[in-house]
Amino acid sequence: MKTLSFRLLMATVVATALIAIGCDNAPASDGAKANTSKVRTGPLKITCTIGMITDVAKTIAGPHAEVIGLMGPGVDPHLYKATQGDLERLSSADLILYNGLHLEGKMADVLVKMARSVHTVQVTESIPEDQLREPSEFQGQHDPHVWFDVMLWSHAAERIRDALIEADPAHKADFEKNATDYLAKLKDTDAYVRERIAEIPKEQRVLVTAHDAFGYFGRAYDIEVMGLQGISTAAEYGAQDLTRLVDVIVQRKIKAVFVESSISPKSIEALVRGVEGKGGNVKIGGQLYSDAMGADGTPEGTYIGMVRKNADTIADALK
């Protein structure tokens, strides 16, 4: 009897195990999504595209995340192509943060594919659409350079905070505190920029740069903006663009024009020569940080430091 009972018990165990295996291997029912969640140990792993997002993520996450930025100082996001190393950093992340609005144009397909297996967030998605610029020359696209309006960038900072909480709810309180402190600093930075640009006499308040990245800056801080190229550096400028801008500078006696850290200075240097050729006088007022921040370890290597440095450079050259 004992032998028979033991055999019955083993048969029951084996049958149960086979049923369990069969259930694990069964295909998902219609409408069910595959489970792509990752088992995480240690700090949250975050991969960001541009430096401005990387800086905000580091600030709000604090010690609870390892934050990697793909695009460093001097890198043009409009033209950037993901490397094999980038693909590995993206695929191994717990969270991917990107700007969107076609800024990372050549990475669009990669980001779509990554979103299937990694929590991927467009940080500008929380900005009200009626606050996004859509000039006619952008051909139906929104201007992606939203970080140049500091208060508009606050929306992105809030979205980054929320994304961190979604990915790591255990540290919600720390993320919220860090974000509150950071948002207060953004408000102070916005006031600083307004004060500095207001120092420039109204008739001299014209910002001429290599490409049309400063539209939000101009709208927010009451300065006229002119770019030699369009919204993206992928668009080439032509002789007519150069002549048009040369004539404006000569006629309005604009004191200075500016190069950008992520774009070759050749176009602005050609602009200066064109002005001189027509008897005008204009100087290069300095370097602005447009699509990339400064070097790590410098004030310009942070978003707030970059914005303040730009405001100082513009004000000092034009007033």
C-alpha atoms as a PDB file:
ATOM      1  CA  MET A   1       0.000   0.000   0.000  1.00  0.00           C
ATOM      2  CA  LYS A   2       2.847   2.353   0.854  1.00  0.00           C
ATOM      3  CA  THR A   3       4.456   1.720  -2.532  1.00  0.00           C
ATOM      4  CA  LEU A   4       1.181   2.378  -4.333  1.00  0.00           C
ATOM      5  CA  SER A   5       0.616   5.604  -2.383  1.00  0.00           C
ATOM      6  CA  PHE A   6       4.125   6.773  -3.189  1.00  0.00           C
ATOM      7  CA  ARG A   7       3.594   6.102  -6.924  1.00  0.00           C
ATOM      8  CA  LEU A   8       0.324   8.007  -6.898  1.00  0.00           C
ATOM      9  CA  LEU A   9       1.985  10.931  -5.152  1.00  0.00           C
ATOM     10  CA  MET A  10       4.840  11.080  -7.688  1.00  0.00           C
ATOM     11  CA  ALA A  11       2.409  10.862 -10.588  1.00  0.00           C
ATOM     12  CA  THR A  12       0.504  13.803  -9.188  1.00  0.00           C
ATOM     13  CA  VAL A  13       3.699  15.881  -8.791  1.00  0.00           C
ATOM     14  CA  VAL A  14       4.849  15.128 -12.353  1.00  0.00           C
ATOM     15  CA  ALA A  15       1.427  15.936 -13.817  1.00  0.00           C
ATOM     16  CA  THR A  16       1.309  19.216 -11.954  1.00  0.00           C
ATOM     17  CA  ALA A  17       4.773  20.141 -13.203  1.00  0.00           C
ATOM     18  CA  LEU A  18       3.828  19.368 -16.810  1.00  0.00           C
ATOM     19  CA  ILE A  19       0.714  21.508 -16.552  1.00  0.00           C
ATOM     20  CA  ALA A  20       2.767  24.378 -15.146  1.00  0.00           C
ATOM     21  CA  ILE A  21       5.314  24.100 -17.972  1.00  0.00           C
ATOM     22  CA  GLY A  22       2.535  24.006 -20.533  1.00  0.00           C
ATOM     23  CA  CYS A  23       1.016  27.188 -19.092  1.00  0.00           C
ATOM     24  CA  ASP A  24       4.378  29.006 -19.169  1.00  0.00           C
ATOM     25  CA  ASN A  25       4.896  28.125 -22.832  1.00  0.00           C
ATOM     26  CA  ALA A  26       1.357  28.925 -23.947  1.00  0.00           C
ATOM     27  CA  PRO A  27       1.067  31.880 -26.381  1.00  0.00           C
ATOM     28  CA  ALA A  28      -0.325  35.143 -25.010  1.00  0.00           C
ATOM     29  CA  SER A  29      -4.016  35.666 -25.515  1.00  0.00           C
ATOM     30  CA  ASP A  30      -5.257  38.295 -27.980  1.00  0.00           C
ATOM     31  CA  GLY A  31      -4.644  41.805 -26.704  1.00  0.00           C
ATOM     32  CA  ALA A  32      -2.044  40.722 -24.158  1.00  0.00           C
ATOM     33  CA  LYS A  33       1.334  42.457 -24.246  1.00  0.00           C
ATOM     34  CA  ALA A  34       4.664  40.748 -23.842  1.00  0.00           C
ATOM     35  CA  ASN A  35       6.335  41.415 -20.511  1.00  0.00           C
ATOM     36  CA  THR A  36       9.409  43.535 -21.302  1.00  0.00           C
ATOM     37  CA  SER A  37      10.146  44.599 -17.729  1.00  0.00           C
ATOM     38  CA  LYS A  38      13.742  44.144 -16.576  1.00  0.00           C
ATOM     39  CA  VAL A  39      14.936  42.864 -13.249  1.00  0.00           C
ATOM     40  CA  ARG A  40      16.960  45.770 -11.862  1.00  0.00           C
ATOM     41  CA  THR A  41      19.578  45.731  -9.167  1.00  0.00           C
ATOM     42  CA  GLY A  42      21.304  48.877  -7.975  1.00  0.00           C
ATOM     43  CA  PRO A  43      20.669  52.433  -9.193  1.00  0.00           C
ATOM     44  CA  LEU A  44      18.340  53.200 -12.088  1.00  0.00           C
ATOM     45  CA  LYS A  45      20.151  53.220 -15.453  1.00  0.00           C
ATOM     46  CA  ILE A  46      19.155  56.199 -17.586  1.00  0.00           C
ATOM     47  CA  THR A  47      20.354  57.017 -21.099  1.00  0.00           C
ATOM     48  CA  CYS A  48      19.682  60.507 -22.495  1.00  0.00           C
ATOM     49  CA  THR A  49      20.274  62.011 -25.919  1.00  0.00           C
ATOM     50  CA  ILE A  50      21.267  65.690 -25.548  1.00  0.00           C
ATOM     51  CA  GLY A  51      23.281  67.227 -22.731  1.00  0.00           C
ATOM     52  CA  MET A  52      20.516  69.499 -21.498  1.00  0.00           C
ATOM     53  CA  ILE A  53      18.338  66.472 -20.706  1.00  0.00           C
ATOM     54  CA  THR A  54      21.274  64.604 -19.182  1.00  0.00           C
ATOM     55  CA  ASP A  55      21.992  67.467 -16.782  1.00  0.00           C
ATOM     56  CA  VAL A  56      18.387  67.765 -15.593  1.00  0.00           C
ATOM     57  CA  ALA A  57      18.096  63.993 -15.135  1.00  0.00           C
ATOM     58  CA  LYS A  58      21.284  63.869 -13.055  1.00  0.00           C
ATOM     59  CA  THR A  59      20.132  66.757 -10.895  1.00  0.00           C
ATOM     60  CA  ILE A  60      16.682  65.352 -10.148  1.00  0.00           C
ATOM     61  CA  ALA A  61      17.745  61.698  -9.842  1.00  0.00           C
ATOM     62  CA  GLY A  62      20.632  62.413  -7.489  1.00  0.00           C
ATOM     63  CA  PRO A  63      22.344  59.245  -6.179  1.00  0.00           C
ATOM     64  CA  HIS A  64      19.451  57.020  -7.246  1.00  0.00           C
ATOM     65  CA  ALA A  65      20.482  56.739 -10.904  1.00  0.00           C
ATOM     66  CA  GLU A  66      23.423  56.305 -13.236  1.00  0.00           C
ATOM     67  CA  VAL A  67      22.806  58.814 -16.024  1.00  0.00           C
ATOM     68  CA  ILE A  68      24.569  58.585 -19.391  1.00  0.00           C
ATOM     69  CA  GLY A  69      24.383  61.212 -22.136  1.00  0.00           C
ATOM     70  CA  LEU A  70      25.018  60.191 -25.736  1.00  0.00           C
ATOM     71  CA  MET A  71      25.784  63.652 -27.142  1.00  0.00           C
ATOM     72  CA  GLY A  72      28.560  65.604 -25.491  1.00  0.00           C
ATOM     73  CA  PRO A  73      29.967  69.133 -25.933  1.00  0.00           C
ATOM     74  CA  GLY A  74      30.125  70.373 -29.515  1.00  0.00           C
ATOM     75  CA  VAL A  75      27.850  67.628 -30.880  1.00  0.00           C
ATOM     76  CA  ASP A  76      25.101  68.595 -33.321  1.00  0.00           C
ATOM     77  CA  PRO A  77      21.963  66.525 -32.529  1.00  0.00           C
ATOM     78  CA  HIS A  78      20.394  67.283 -35.921  1.00  0.00           C
ATOM     79  CA  LEU A  79      23.134  65.304 -37.652  1.00  0.00           C
ATOM     80  CA  TYR A  80      23.999  62.767 -34.961  1.00  0.00           C
ATOM     81  CA  LYS A  81      23.900  59.066 -35.816  1.00  0.00           C
ATOM     82  CA  ALA A  82      23.825  56.415 -33.099  1.00  0.00           C
ATOM     83  CA  THR A  83      26.956  54.273 -32.811  1.00  0.00           C
ATOM     84  CA  GLN A  84      27.045  50.606 -31.853  1.00  0.00           C
ATOM     85  CA  GLY A  85      28.068  51.675 -28.369  1.00  0.00           C
ATOM     86  CA  ASP A  86      25.057  53.991 -28.196  1.00  0.00           C
ATOM     87  CA  LEU A  87      22.747  51.137 -29.147  1.00  0.00           C
ATOM     88  CA  GLU A  88      24.165  49.069 -26.301  1.00  0.00           C
ATOM     89  CA  ARG A  89      23.716  51.939 -23.838  1.00  0.00           C
ATOM     90  CA  LEU A  90      20.141  52.452 -24.990  1.00  0.00           C
ATOM     91  CA  SER A  91      19.161  48.787 -24.908  1.00  0.00           C
ATOM     92  CA  SER A  92      20.653  48.235 -21.429  1.00  0.00           C
ATOM     93  CA  ALA A  93      18.896  51.255 -19.902  1.00  0.00           C
ATOM     94  CA  ASP A  94      15.924  51.181 -17.545  1.00  0.00           C
ATOM     95  CA  LEU A  95      14.801  54.541 -18.939  1.00  0.00           C
ATOM     96  CA  ILE A  96      15.530  56.507 -22.130  1.00  0.00           C
ATOM     97  CA  LEU A  97      14.948  60.266 -22.217  1.00  0.00           C
ATOM     98  CA  TYR A  98      14.981  62.241 -25.473  1.00  0.00           C
ATOM     99  CA  ASN A  99      13.874  65.674 -26.678  1.00  0.00           C
ATOM    100  CA  GLY A 100      11.729  64.802 -29.687  1.00  0.00           C
ATOM    101  CA  LEU A 101      10.140  67.349 -32.045  1.00  0.00           C
ATOM    102  CA  HIS A 102      12.505  65.986 -34.736  1.00  0.00           C
ATOM    103  CA  LEU A 103      15.621  67.248 -32.939  1.00  0.00           C
ATOM    104  CA  GLU A 104      17.286  63.826 -32.974  1.00  0.00           C
ATOM    105  CA  GLY A 105      16.266  63.387 -36.602  1.00  0.00           C
ATOM    106  CA  LYS A 106      18.693  60.626 -37.581  1.00  0.00           C
ATOM    107  CA  MET A 107      17.948  58.645 -34.419  1.00  0.00           C
ATOM    108  CA  ALA A 108      14.166  58.561 -34.840  1.00  0.00           C
ATOM    109  CA  ASP A 109      13.995  54.940 -36.036  1.00  0.00           C
ATOM    110  CA  VAL A 110      16.329  53.788 -33.277  1.00  0.00           C
ATOM    111  CA  LEU A 111      14.213  55.431 -30.583  1.00  0.00           C
ATOM    112  CA  VAL A 112      11.036  53.869 -31.964  1.00  0.00           C
ATOM    113  CA  LYS A 113      12.615  50.409 -31.858  1.00  0.00           C
ATOM    114  CA  MET A 114      13.978  50.935 -28.342  1.00  0.00           C
ATOM    115  CA  ALA A 115      10.552  51.959 -27.073  1.00  0.00           C
ATOM    116  CA  ARG A 116       9.355  48.384 -27.663  1.00  0.00           C
ATOM    117  CA  SER A 117      11.555  47.040 -24.887  1.00  0.00           C
ATOM    118  CA  VAL A 118      12.754  50.043 -22.832  1.00  0.00           C
ATOM    119  CA  HIS A 119      10.656  52.694 -21.090  1.00  0.00           C
ATOM    120  CA  THR A 120      11.223  55.648 -23.461  1.00  0.00           C
ATOM    121  CA  VAL A 121      10.019  59.193 -22.762  1.00  0.00           C
ATOM    122  CA  GLN A 122       9.930  62.318 -24.930  1.00  0.00           C
ATOM    123  CA  VAL A 123      10.561  65.048 -22.350  1.00  0.00           C
ATOM    124  CA  THR A 124       8.850  67.765 -24.394  1.00  0.00           C
ATOM    125  CA  GLU A 125       5.536  65.910 -24.631  1.00  0.00           C
ATOM    126  CA  SER A 126       4.099  67.747 -21.615  1.00  0.00           C
ATOM    127  CA  ILE A 127       4.610  71.200 -23.134  1.00  0.00           C
ATOM    128  CA  PRO A 128       1.229  72.625 -24.241  1.00  0.00           C
ATOM    129  CA  GLU A 129       1.124  72.544 -28.025  1.00  0.00           C
ATOM    130  CA  ASP A 130      -0.025  76.155 -28.249  1.00  0.00           C
ATOM    131  CA  GLN A 131       3.269  77.174 -26.610  1.00  0.00           C
ATOM    132  CA  LEU A 132       5.392  75.449 -29.255  1.00  0.00           C
ATOM    133  CA  ARG A 133       6.689  77.568 -32.108  1.00  0.00           C
ATOM    134  CA  GLU A 134       5.660  76.607 -35.630  1.00  0.00           C
ATOM    135  CA  PRO A 135       6.979  79.311 -37.987  1.00  0.00           C
ATOM    136  CA  SER A 136       6.104  78.963 -41.663  1.00  0.00           C
ATOM    137  CA  GLU A 137       9.737  78.350 -42.616  1.00  0.00           C
ATOM    138  CA  PHE A 138       9.727  75.195 -40.471  1.00  0.00           C
ATOM    139  CA  GLN A 139       7.366  73.554 -42.991  1.00  0.00           C
ATOM    140  CA  GLY A 140       4.758  72.348 -40.535  1.00  0.00           C
ATOM    141  CA  GLN A 141       7.206  71.194 -37.864  1.00  0.00           C
ATOM    142  CA  HIS A 142       7.520  72.509 -34.341  1.00  0.00           C
ATOM    143  CA  ASP A 143      10.739  74.210 -33.341  1.00  0.00           C
ATOM    144  CA  PRO A 144      12.539  71.669 -31.107  1.00  0.00           C
ATOM    145  CA  HIS A 145      14.855  74.149 -29.313  1.00  0.00           C
ATOM    146  CA  VAL A 146      12.500  74.604 -26.361  1.00  0.00           C
ATOM    147  CA  TRP A 147      15.291  74.815 -23.748  1.00  0.00           C
ATOM    148  CA  PHE A 148      15.975  78.420 -24.773  1.00  0.00           C
ATOM    149  CA  ASP A 149      12.807  79.510 -22.973  1.00  0.00           C
ATOM    150  CA  VAL A 150      13.730  78.596 -19.408  1.00  0.00           C
ATOM    151  CA  MET A 151      10.167  78.520 -18.099  1.00  0.00           C
ATOM    152  CA  LEU A 152       9.111  76.352 -21.037  1.00  0.00           C
ATOM    153  CA  TRP A 153      11.972  73.985 -20.204  1.00  0.00           C
ATOM    154  CA  SER A 154      10.457  73.704 -16.717  1.00  0.00           C
ATOM    155  CA  HIS A 155       7.755  71.529 -18.287  1.00  0.00           C
ATOM    156  CA  ALA A 156      10.478  69.188 -19.536  1.00  0.00           C
ATOM    157  CA  ALA A 157      12.039  69.078 -16.063  1.00  0.00           C
ATOM    158  CA  GLU A 158       8.666  68.117 -14.595  1.00  0.00           C
ATOM    159  CA  ARG A 159       8.251  65.368 -17.192  1.00  0.00           C
ATOM    160  CA  ILE A 160      11.711  64.031 -16.315  1.00  0.00           C
ATOM    161  CA  ARG A 161      10.714  64.010 -12.632  1.00  0.00           C
ATOM    162  CA  ASP A 162       7.553  62.074 -13.449  1.00  0.00           C
ATOM    163  CA  ALA A 163       9.482  59.607 -15.625  1.00  0.00           C
ATOM    164  CA  LEU A 164      11.879  58.924 -12.758  1.00  0.00           C
ATOM    165  CA  ILE A 165       8.985  58.295 -10.392  1.00  0.00           C
ATOM    166  CA  GLU A 166       7.389  55.933 -12.927  1.00  0.00           C
ATOM    167  CA  ALA A 167      10.642  53.997 -13.210  1.00  0.00           C
ATOM    168  CA  ASP A 168      11.574  54.038  -9.513  1.00  0.00           C
ATOM    169  CA  PRO A 169       8.557  54.840  -7.282  1.00  0.00           C
ATOM    170  CA  ALA A 170      10.484  53.887  -4.136  1.00  0.00           C
ATOM    171  CA  HIS A 171      12.424  57.170  -4.347  1.00  0.00           C
ATOM    172  CA  LYS A 172       9.478  59.388  -5.256  1.00  0.00           C
ATOM    173  CA  ALA A 173       9.970  61.736  -2.290  1.00  0.00           C
ATOM    174  CA  ASP A 174      13.611  62.421  -3.202  1.00  0.00           C
ATOM    175  CA  PHE A 175      12.778  63.004  -6.855  1.00  0.00           C
ATOM    176  CA  GLU A 176      10.013  65.442  -5.943  1.00  0.00           C
ATOM    177  CA  LYS A 177      12.230  67.384  -3.528  1.00  0.00           C
ATOM    178  CA  ASN A 178      15.109  67.604  -5.989  1.00  0.00           C
ATOM    179  CA  ALA A 179      12.738  68.732  -8.732  1.00  0.00           C
ATOM    180  CA  THR A 180      11.173  71.410  -6.532  1.00  0.00           C
ATOM    181  CA  ASP A 181      14.614  72.811  -5.706  1.00  0.00           C
ATOM    182  CA  TYR A 182      15.644  72.698  -9.364  1.00  0.00           C
ATOM    183  CA  LEU A 183      12.475  74.381 -10.613  1.00  0.00           C
ATOM    184  CA  ALA A 184      13.115  77.248  -8.189  1.00  0.00           C
ATOM    185  CA  LYS A 185      16.608  77.653  -9.675  1.00  0.00           C
ATOM    186  CA  LEU A 186      15.106  77.710 -13.163  1.00  0.00           C
ATOM    187  CA  LYS A 187      12.803  80.532 -12.111  1.00  0.00           C
ATOM    188  CA  ASP A 188      15.794  82.516 -10.825  1.00  0.00           C
ATOM    189  CA  THR A 189      17.654  81.829 -14.074  1.00  0.00           C
ATOM    190  CA  ASP A 190      14.722  83.072 -16.132  1.00  0.00           C
ATOM    191  CA  ALA A 191      14.722  86.333 -14.168  1.00  0.00           C
ATOM    192  CA  TYR A 192      18.490  86.693 -14.636  1.00  0.00           C
ATOM    193  CA  VAL A 193      18.241  86.316 -18.412  1.00  0.00           C
ATOM    194  CA  ARG A 194      15.441  88.904 -18.594  1.00  0.00           C
ATOM    195  CA  GLU A 195      17.526  91.403 -16.648  1.00  0.00           C
ATOM    196  CA  ARG A 196      20.602  90.919 -18.808  1.00  0.00           C
ATOM    197  CA  ILE A 197      18.821  91.168 -22.162  1.00  0.00           C
ATOM    198  CA  ALA A 198      16.935  94.245 -20.950  1.00  0.00           C
ATOM    199  CA  GLU A 199      20.323  95.980 -20.599  1.00  0.00           C
ATOM    200  CA  ILE A 200      20.617  96.053 -24.404  1.00  0.00           C
ATOM    201  CA  PRO A 201      19.013  99.147 -26.002  1.00  0.00           C
ATOM    202  CA  LYS A 202      15.884  98.133 -27.897  1.00  0.00           C
ATOM    203  CA  GLU A 203      17.204  99.188 -31.311  1.00  0.00           C
ATOM    204  CA  GLN A 204      20.349  97.063 -30.817  1.00  0.00           C
ATOM    205  CA  ARG A 205      18.514  94.006 -29.551  1.00  0.00           C
ATOM    206  CA  VAL A 206      19.121  91.774 -32.585  1.00  0.00           C
ATOM    207  CA  LEU A 207      20.617  88.298 -32.259  1.00  0.00           C
ATOM    208  CA  VAL A 208      22.286  86.923 -35.418  1.00  0.00           C
ATOM    209  CA  THR A 209      23.488  83.303 -35.281  1.00  0.00           C
ATOM    210  CA  ALA A 210      24.445  80.460 -37.612  1.00  0.00           C
ATOM    211  CA  HIS A 211      21.106  78.618 -37.526  1.00  0.00           C
ATOM    212  CA  ASP A 212      17.592  79.338 -36.341  1.00  0.00           C
ATOM    213  CA  ALA A 213      17.925  77.842 -32.860  1.00  0.00           C
ATOM    214  CA  PHE A 214      17.102  80.874 -30.739  1.00  0.00           C
ATOM    215  CA  GLY A 215      13.465  81.481 -31.671  1.00  0.00           C
ATOM    216  CA  TYR A 216      12.151  80.558 -28.226  1.00  0.00           C
ATOM    217  CA  PHE A 217      14.848  82.719 -26.669  1.00  0.00           C
ATOM    218  CA  GLY A 218      13.800  85.702 -28.758  1.00  0.00           C
ATOM    219  CA  ARG A 219      10.115  85.251 -27.977  1.00  0.00           C
ATOM    220  CA  ALA A 220      10.671  84.814 -24.246  1.00  0.00           C
ATOM    221  CA  TYR A 221      13.225  87.590 -23.700  1.00  0.00           C
ATOM    222  CA  ASP A 222      12.176  90.220 -26.237  1.00  0.00           C
ATOM    223  CA  ILE A 223      15.069  90.093 -28.678  1.00  0.00           C
ATOM    224  CA  GLU A 224      14.829  89.841 -32.457  1.00  0.00           C
ATOM    225  CA  VAL A 225      16.482  86.681 -33.801  1.00  0.00           C
ATOM    226  CA  MET A 226      17.952  85.997 -37.242  1.00  0.00           C
ATOM    227  CA  GLY A 227      19.594  82.753 -38.337  1.00  0.00           C
ATOM    228  CA  LEU A 228      21.632  82.122 -41.457  1.00  0.00           C
ATOM    229  CA  GLN A 229      20.405  78.526 -41.707  1.00  0.00           C
ATOM    230  CA  GLY A 230      16.979  77.116 -40.934  1.00  0.00           C
ATOM    231  CA  ILE A 231      15.684  75.149 -37.960  1.00  0.00           C
ATOM    232  CA  SER A 232      18.032  72.243 -38.676  1.00  0.00           C
ATOM    233  CA  THR A 233      21.715  72.399 -39.502  1.00  0.00           C
ATOM    234  CA  ALA A 234      20.987  69.735 -42.099  1.00  0.00           C
ATOM    235  CA  ALA A 235      19.598  72.556 -44.273  1.00  0.00           C
ATOM    236  CA  GLU A 236      22.291  74.430 -46.186  1.00  0.00           C
ATOM    237  CA  TYR A 237      22.288  78.193 -46.477  1.00  0.00           C
ATOM    238  CA  GLY A 238      22.658  79.798 -49.899  1.00  0.00           C
ATOM    239  CA  ALA A 239      24.143  82.950 -51.390  1.00  0.00           C
ATOM    240  CA  GLN A 240      20.775  84.708 -51.175  1.00  0.00           C
ATOM    241  CA  ASP A 241      20.537  83.950 -47.451  1.00  0.00           C
ATOM    242  CA  LEU A 242      24.001  85.379 -46.914  1.00  0.00           C
ATOM    243  CA  THR A 243      23.328  88.520 -48.978  1.00  0.00           C
ATOM    244  CA  ARG A 244      20.011  89.139 -47.241  1.00  0.00           C
ATOM    245  CA  LEU A 245      21.572  88.978 -43.804  1.00  0.00           C
ATOM    246  CA  VAL A 246      24.584  91.076 -44.832  1.00  0.00           C
ATOM    247  CA  ASP A 247      22.236  93.845 -46.022  1.00  0.00           C
ATOM    248  CA  VAL A 248      20.266  93.771 -42.764  1.00  0.00           C
ATOM    249  CA  ILE A 249      23.423  94.025 -40.651  1.00  0.00           C
ATOM    250  CA  VAL A 250      24.786  96.927 -42.697  1.00  0.00           C
ATOM    251  CA  GLN A 251      21.490  98.846 -42.793  1.00  0.00           C
ATOM    252  CA  ARG A 252      20.712  98.406 -39.113  1.00  0.00           C
ATOM    253  CA  LYS A 253      24.318  98.762 -37.952  1.00  0.00           C
ATOM    254  CA  ILE A 254      24.180  95.586 -35.880  1.00  0.00           C
ATOM    255  CA  LYS A 255      27.248  95.498 -33.650  1.00  0.00           C
ATOM    256  CA  ALA A 256      27.913  91.780 -33.323  1.00  0.00           C
ATOM    257  CA  VAL A 257      27.046  88.332 -34.635  1.00  0.00           C
ATOM    258  CA  PHE A 258      27.629  85.017 -32.867  1.00  0.00           C
ATOM    259  CA  VAL A 259      29.105  81.611 -33.610  1.00  0.00           C
ATOM    260  CA  GLU A 260      27.720  78.421 -32.056  1.00  0.00           C
ATOM    261  CA  SER A 261      29.680  75.759 -30.214  1.00  0.00           C
ATOM    262  CA  SER A 262      28.127  72.855 -32.141  1.00  0.00           C
ATOM    263  CA  ILE A 263      28.402  74.376 -35.633  1.00  0.00           C
ATOM    264  CA  SER A 264      31.397  75.348 -37.759  1.00  0.00           C
ATOM    265  CA  PRO A 265      32.128  79.096 -37.521  1.00  0.00           C
ATOM    266  CA  LYS A 266      32.712  79.332 -41.286  1.00  0.00           C
ATOM    267  CA  SER A 267      29.217  80.622 -42.116  1.00  0.00           C
ATOM    268  CA  ILE A 268      29.430  83.452 -39.577  1.00  0.00           C
ATOM    269  CA  GLU A 269      32.966  84.289 -40.673  1.00  0.00           C
ATOM    270  CA  ALA A 270      31.656  84.559 -44.248  1.00  0.00           C
ATOM    271  CA  LEU A 271      28.912  86.838 -42.973  1.00  0.00           C
ATOM    272  CA  VAL A 272      31.453  89.158 -41.336  1.00  0.00           C
ATOM    273  CA  ARG A 273      33.495  89.325 -44.556  1.00  0.00           C
ATOM    274  CA  GLY A 274      30.330  90.103 -46.522  1.00  0.00           C
ATOM    275  CA  VAL A 275      29.494  93.002 -44.196  1.00  0.00           C
ATOM    276  CA  GLU A 276      33.026  94.366 -44.444  1.00  0.00           C
ATOM    277  CA  GLY A 277      32.825  94.077 -48.236  1.00  0.00           C
ATOM    278  CA  LYS A 278      29.842  96.451 -48.201  1.00  0.00           C
ATOM    279  CA  GLY A 279      31.549  98.972 -45.987  1.00  0.00           C
ATOM    280  CA  GLY A 280      29.958  97.820 -42.766  1.00  0.00           C
ATOM    281  CA  ASN A 281      31.550  96.907 -39.483  1.00  0.00           C
ATOM    282  CA  VAL A 282      30.497  93.938 -37.373  1.00  0.00           C
ATOM    283  CA  LYS A 283      32.389  91.727 -34.940  1.00  0.00           C
ATOM    284  CA  ILE A 284      31.973  88.177 -33.743  1.00  0.00           C
ATOM    285  CA  GLY A 285      30.525  88.771 -30.310  1.00  0.00           C
ATOM    286  CA  GLY A 286      31.463  85.394 -28.923  1.00  0.00           C
ATOM    287  CA  GLN A 287      30.436  81.764 -28.874  1.00  0.00           C
ATOM    288  CA  LEU A 288      26.932  80.683 -27.882  1.00  0.00           C
ATOM    289  CA  TYR A 289      25.878  77.254 -26.709  1.00  0.00           C
ATOM    290  CA  SER A 290      22.907  76.248 -28.825  1.00  0.00           C
ATOM    291  CA  ASP A 291      22.366  72.519 -29.404  1.00  0.00           C
ATOM    292  CA  ALA A 292      25.055  71.368 -26.976  1.00  0.00           C
ATOM    293  CA  MET A 293      26.378  72.496 -23.614  1.00  0.00           C
ATOM    294  CA  GLY A 294      29.955  73.277 -22.626  1.00  0.00           C
ATOM    295  CA  ALA A 295      32.618  70.934 -21.315  1.00  0.00           C
ATOM    296  CA  ASP A 296      32.023  68.847 -18.212  1.00  0.00           C
ATOM    297  CA  GLY A 297      33.263  70.527 -15.057  1.00  0.00           C
ATOM    298  CA  THR A 298      32.671  74.064 -16.353  1.00  0.00           C
ATOM    299  CA  PRO A 299      29.685  76.313 -15.553  1.00  0.00           C
ATOM    300  CA  GLU A 300      28.595  75.995 -19.198  1.00  0.00           C
ATOM    301  CA  GLY A 301      28.607  72.225 -18.754  1.00  0.00           C
ATOM    302  CA  THR A 302      25.268  72.519 -16.950  1.00  0.00           C
ATOM    303  CA  TYR A 303      21.968  73.683 -18.401  1.00  0.00           C
ATOM    304  CA  ILE A 304      21.632  76.650 -16.042  1.00  0.00           C
ATOM    305  CA  GLY A 305      25.270  77.644 -16.518  1.00  0.00           C
ATOM    306  CA  MET A 306      24.889  77.427 -20.296  1.00  0.00           C
ATOM    307  CA  VAL A 307      21.838  79.674 -20.317  1.00  0.00           C
ATOM    308  CA  ARG A 308      23.464  82.263 -18.050  1.00  0.00           C
ATOM    309  CA  LYS A 309      26.671  82.238 -20.097  1.00  0.00           C
ATOM    310  CA  ASN A 310      24.697  82.811 -23.300  1.00  0.00           C
ATOM    311  CA  ALA A 311      22.821  85.746 -21.748  1.00  0.00           C
ATOM    312  CA  ASP A 312      26.095  87.319 -20.576  1.00  0.00           C
ATOM    313  CA  THR A 313      27.759  86.861 -23.973  1.00  0.00           C
ATOM    314  CA  ILE A 314      24.821  88.393 -25.861  1.00  0.00           C
ATOM    315  CA  ALA A 315      24.341  91.312 -23.483  1.00  0.00           C
ATOM    316  CA  ASP A 316      28.030  92.195 -23.271  1.00  0.00           C
ATOM    317  CA  ALA A 317      28.439  92.185 -27.069  1.00  0.00           C
ATOM    318  CA  LEU A 318      25.295  94.111 -28.043  1.00  0.00           C
ATOM    319  CA  LYS A 319      24.740  96.743 -25.372  1.00  0.00           C
END
